[in-house]
């Protein structure tokens, strides 16, 4: 509706996580039977994003960093030890990564999260789309879509010559 990268599409904080369930606890409580499949799909999604950015030569500052969970209470250290996914870091190892005296341990899942520069990503996506023949029309909010199960999609804006019927 505005310009490429305007509003939230250019300011998401730069985190790209593999989780499509907004965390393991939420996913396991809501979709216990489907959770493992959802985790695989989320990882495939992040892998695909990384692959597409590389294959399309996009300068989006994508960096696969993973997630570091930390423990600051003694009982939390055991919780991290009990986790099956990720590399357990003792107090010295976690302090080598984050120099804070309050962390007693950490768990580093090195492949489930990435950092990306959101504004660069959205502008690179626009560049690639235009190179592939897509016409981008900024400042033209969509007011209606016509589409079937497959085939062409008609997009209407307030500037379109033909407007949908108003019943």
Protein backbone atom coordinates (compact mmCIF):
# COMPACT_ATOMS: atom_id res chain seq x y z
CA UNK A 1 0.00 0.00 0.00
CA UNK A 2 2.98 2.30 0.54
CA UNK A 3 6.59 1.82 -0.62
CA UNK A 4 8.68 -1.34 -0.61
CA UNK A 5 9.97 -1.91 2.92
CA UNK A 6 7.56 0.55 4.52
CA UNK A 7 6.38 -0.19 8.08
CA UNK A 8 6.80 -3.66 9.56
CA UNK A 9 8.23 -5.28 6.44
CA UNK A 10 11.36 -3.19 6.90
CA UNK A 11 11.55 -3.33 10.70
CA UNK A 12 11.01 -6.85 12.00
CA UNK A 13 14.06 -6.91 14.24
CA UNK A 14 16.08 -9.08 11.88
CA UNK A 15 15.37 -12.49 13.42
CA UNK A 16 14.44 -15.41 11.18
CA UNK A 17 13.56 -18.47 13.25
CA UNK A 18 12.87 -22.00 12.13
CA UNK A 19 9.94 -22.28 14.54
CA UNK A 20 6.55 -21.91 12.91
CA UNK A 21 4.77 -22.69 16.20
CA UNK A 22 6.15 -19.73 18.19
CA UNK A 23 8.24 -21.95 20.42
CA UNK A 24 8.46 -25.61 21.38
CA UNK A 25 6.20 -25.40 24.43
CA UNK A 26 3.43 -23.69 22.47
CA UNK A 27 3.76 -26.10 19.55
CA UNK A 28 3.78 -29.22 21.69
CA UNK A 29 0.77 -28.07 23.72
CA UNK A 30 -1.33 -27.12 20.68
CA UNK A 31 -0.27 -29.71 18.10
CA UNK A 32 1.30 -32.62 19.98
CA UNK A 33 0.78 -35.12 17.16
CA UNK A 34 1.94 -32.80 14.40
CA UNK A 35 4.75 -31.06 16.28
CA UNK A 36 7.68 -33.06 14.87
CA UNK A 37 6.45 -32.48 11.32
CA UNK A 38 5.96 -28.78 11.99
CA UNK A 39 9.52 -28.57 13.31
CA UNK A 40 10.84 -30.22 10.13
CA UNK A 41 8.81 -27.83 7.97
CA UNK A 42 10.09 -24.83 9.92
CA UNK A 43 13.71 -25.93 9.47
CA UNK A 44 13.10 -26.59 5.76
CA UNK A 45 11.66 -23.08 5.50
CA UNK A 46 14.72 -21.46 7.10
CA UNK A 47 17.06 -23.62 5.00
CA UNK A 48 15.16 -22.60 1.87
CA UNK A 49 15.38 -18.92 2.78
CA UNK A 50 19.14 -19.22 3.24
CA UNK A 51 19.51 -21.12 -0.05
CA UNK A 52 17.36 -18.64 -2.00
CA UNK A 53 19.27 -15.63 -0.65
CA UNK A 54 22.56 -17.24 -1.71
CA UNK A 55 21.31 -18.54 -5.09
CA UNK A 56 19.79 -15.18 -6.03
CA UNK A 57 22.88 -13.23 -4.93
CA UNK A 58 20.93 -11.16 -2.44
CA UNK A 59 22.89 -8.86 -0.12
CA UNK A 60 20.69 -9.23 2.95
CA UNK A 61 23.41 -9.84 5.56
CA UNK A 62 21.94 -13.29 6.32
CA UNK A 63 23.90 -15.03 9.09
CA UNK A 64 22.94 -18.39 10.58
CA UNK A 65 23.57 -17.76 14.29
CA UNK A 66 21.30 -20.17 16.14
CA UNK A 67 19.71 -19.62 19.52
CA UNK A 68 21.51 -19.41 22.86
CA UNK A 69 19.30 -20.19 25.86
CA UNK A 70 20.86 -19.31 29.20
CA UNK A 71 20.42 -20.38 32.83
CA UNK A 72 20.95 -18.02 35.73
CA UNK A 73 19.34 -20.10 38.50
CA UNK A 74 20.92 -23.44 39.53
CA UNK A 75 17.75 -25.45 38.73
CA UNK A 76 17.75 -24.04 35.19
CA UNK A 77 21.19 -25.54 34.55
CA UNK A 78 19.70 -29.02 34.87
CA UNK A 79 16.84 -28.08 32.55
CA UNK A 80 19.39 -27.17 29.88
CA UNK A 81 21.37 -30.39 30.49
CA UNK A 82 18.17 -32.39 29.99
CA UNK A 83 17.50 -30.87 26.55
CA UNK A 84 18.33 -33.19 23.67
CA UNK A 85 18.76 -30.53 20.99
CA UNK A 86 21.76 -28.23 21.04
CA UNK A 87 25.21 -27.98 22.59
CA UNK A 88 25.39 -27.61 26.37
CA UNK A 89 27.75 -24.84 27.53
CA UNK A 90 29.05 -24.77 31.07
CA UNK A 91 29.53 -21.47 32.89
CA UNK A 92 32.98 -20.77 31.39
CA UNK A 93 31.81 -21.60 27.86
CA UNK A 94 28.70 -19.45 28.04
CA UNK A 95 30.74 -16.60 29.52
CA UNK A 96 33.13 -16.87 26.57
CA UNK A 97 30.14 -16.16 24.30
CA UNK A 98 28.37 -13.58 26.50
CA UNK A 99 30.59 -12.01 29.11
CA UNK A 100 28.05 -11.83 31.91
CA UNK A 101 28.64 -13.08 35.45
CA UNK A 102 24.97 -14.04 35.99
CA UNK A 103 24.78 -16.91 33.47
CA UNK A 104 25.59 -20.34 34.91
CA UNK A 105 25.14 -22.36 31.71
CA UNK A 106 23.78 -22.21 28.19
CA UNK A 107 22.33 -24.33 25.43
CA UNK A 108 23.27 -23.35 21.89
CA UNK A 109 21.07 -24.59 19.07
CA UNK A 110 23.28 -23.45 16.22
CA UNK A 111 21.02 -23.95 13.22
CA UNK A 112 17.50 -22.91 14.22
CA UNK A 113 17.78 -19.13 13.88
CA UNK A 114 19.41 -16.54 11.65
CA UNK A 115 19.93 -12.82 11.59
CA UNK A 116 18.99 -10.87 8.48
CA UNK A 117 18.95 -7.17 7.68
CA UNK A 118 15.20 -6.62 7.15
CA UNK A 119 15.41 -3.48 5.00
CA UNK A 120 18.13 -4.97 2.79
CA UNK A 121 16.11 -8.17 2.45
CA UNK A 122 12.94 -6.42 1.32
CA UNK A 123 14.83 -4.25 -1.19
CA UNK A 124 16.73 -7.25 -2.52
CA UNK A 125 13.46 -9.17 -2.89
CA UNK A 126 12.10 -6.25 -4.91
CA UNK A 127 15.24 -6.17 -7.07
CA UNK A 128 15.04 -9.89 -7.82
CA UNK A 129 11.30 -9.72 -8.52
CA UNK A 130 11.81 -6.89 -11.02
CA UNK A 131 14.66 -8.80 -12.69
CA UNK A 132 12.20 -11.68 -13.12
CA UNK A 133 9.67 -9.38 -14.80
CA UNK A 134 7.44 -8.43 -11.88
CA UNK A 135 6.10 -4.88 -11.95
CA UNK A 136 6.01 -3.28 -8.51
CA UNK A 137 3.46 -0.51 -8.07
CA UNK A 138 4.17 1.42 -4.91
CA UNK A 139 1.51 3.62 -3.26
CA UNK A 140 -1.32 1.53 -4.69
CA UNK A 141 -3.28 -0.31 -2.01
CA UNK A 142 -5.07 -3.42 -3.23
CA UNK A 143 -8.86 -3.14 -2.99
CA UNK A 144 -9.88 -6.43 -4.61
CA UNK A 145 -8.50 -9.71 -5.96
CA UNK A 146 -10.05 -12.03 -8.53
CA UNK A 147 -8.61 -15.52 -8.76
CA UNK A 148 -9.59 -19.08 -9.36
CA UNK A 149 -8.03 -22.27 -8.09
CA UNK A 150 -5.20 -21.78 -10.58
CA UNK A 151 -4.12 -19.36 -13.28
CA UNK A 152 -3.98 -15.60 -13.43
CA UNK A 153 -4.88 -13.30 -10.58
CA UNK A 154 -6.45 -9.90 -11.22
CA UNK A 155 -5.42 -7.25 -8.72
CA UNK A 156 -7.43 -4.06 -8.38
CA UNK A 157 -6.43 -0.80 -6.74
CA UNK A 158 -8.25 2.49 -6.39
CA UNK A 159 -6.50 3.48 -9.63
CA UNK A 160 -7.87 0.50 -11.61
CA UNK A 161 -10.14 1.26 -14.57
CA UNK A 162 -12.62 -1.44 -13.55
CA UNK A 163 -13.93 -1.62 -10.00
CA UNK A 164 -15.77 -4.55 -8.43
CA UNK A 165 -19.56 -4.36 -8.25
CA UNK A 166 -20.94 -3.07 -5.02
CA UNK A 167 -23.99 -5.11 -4.00
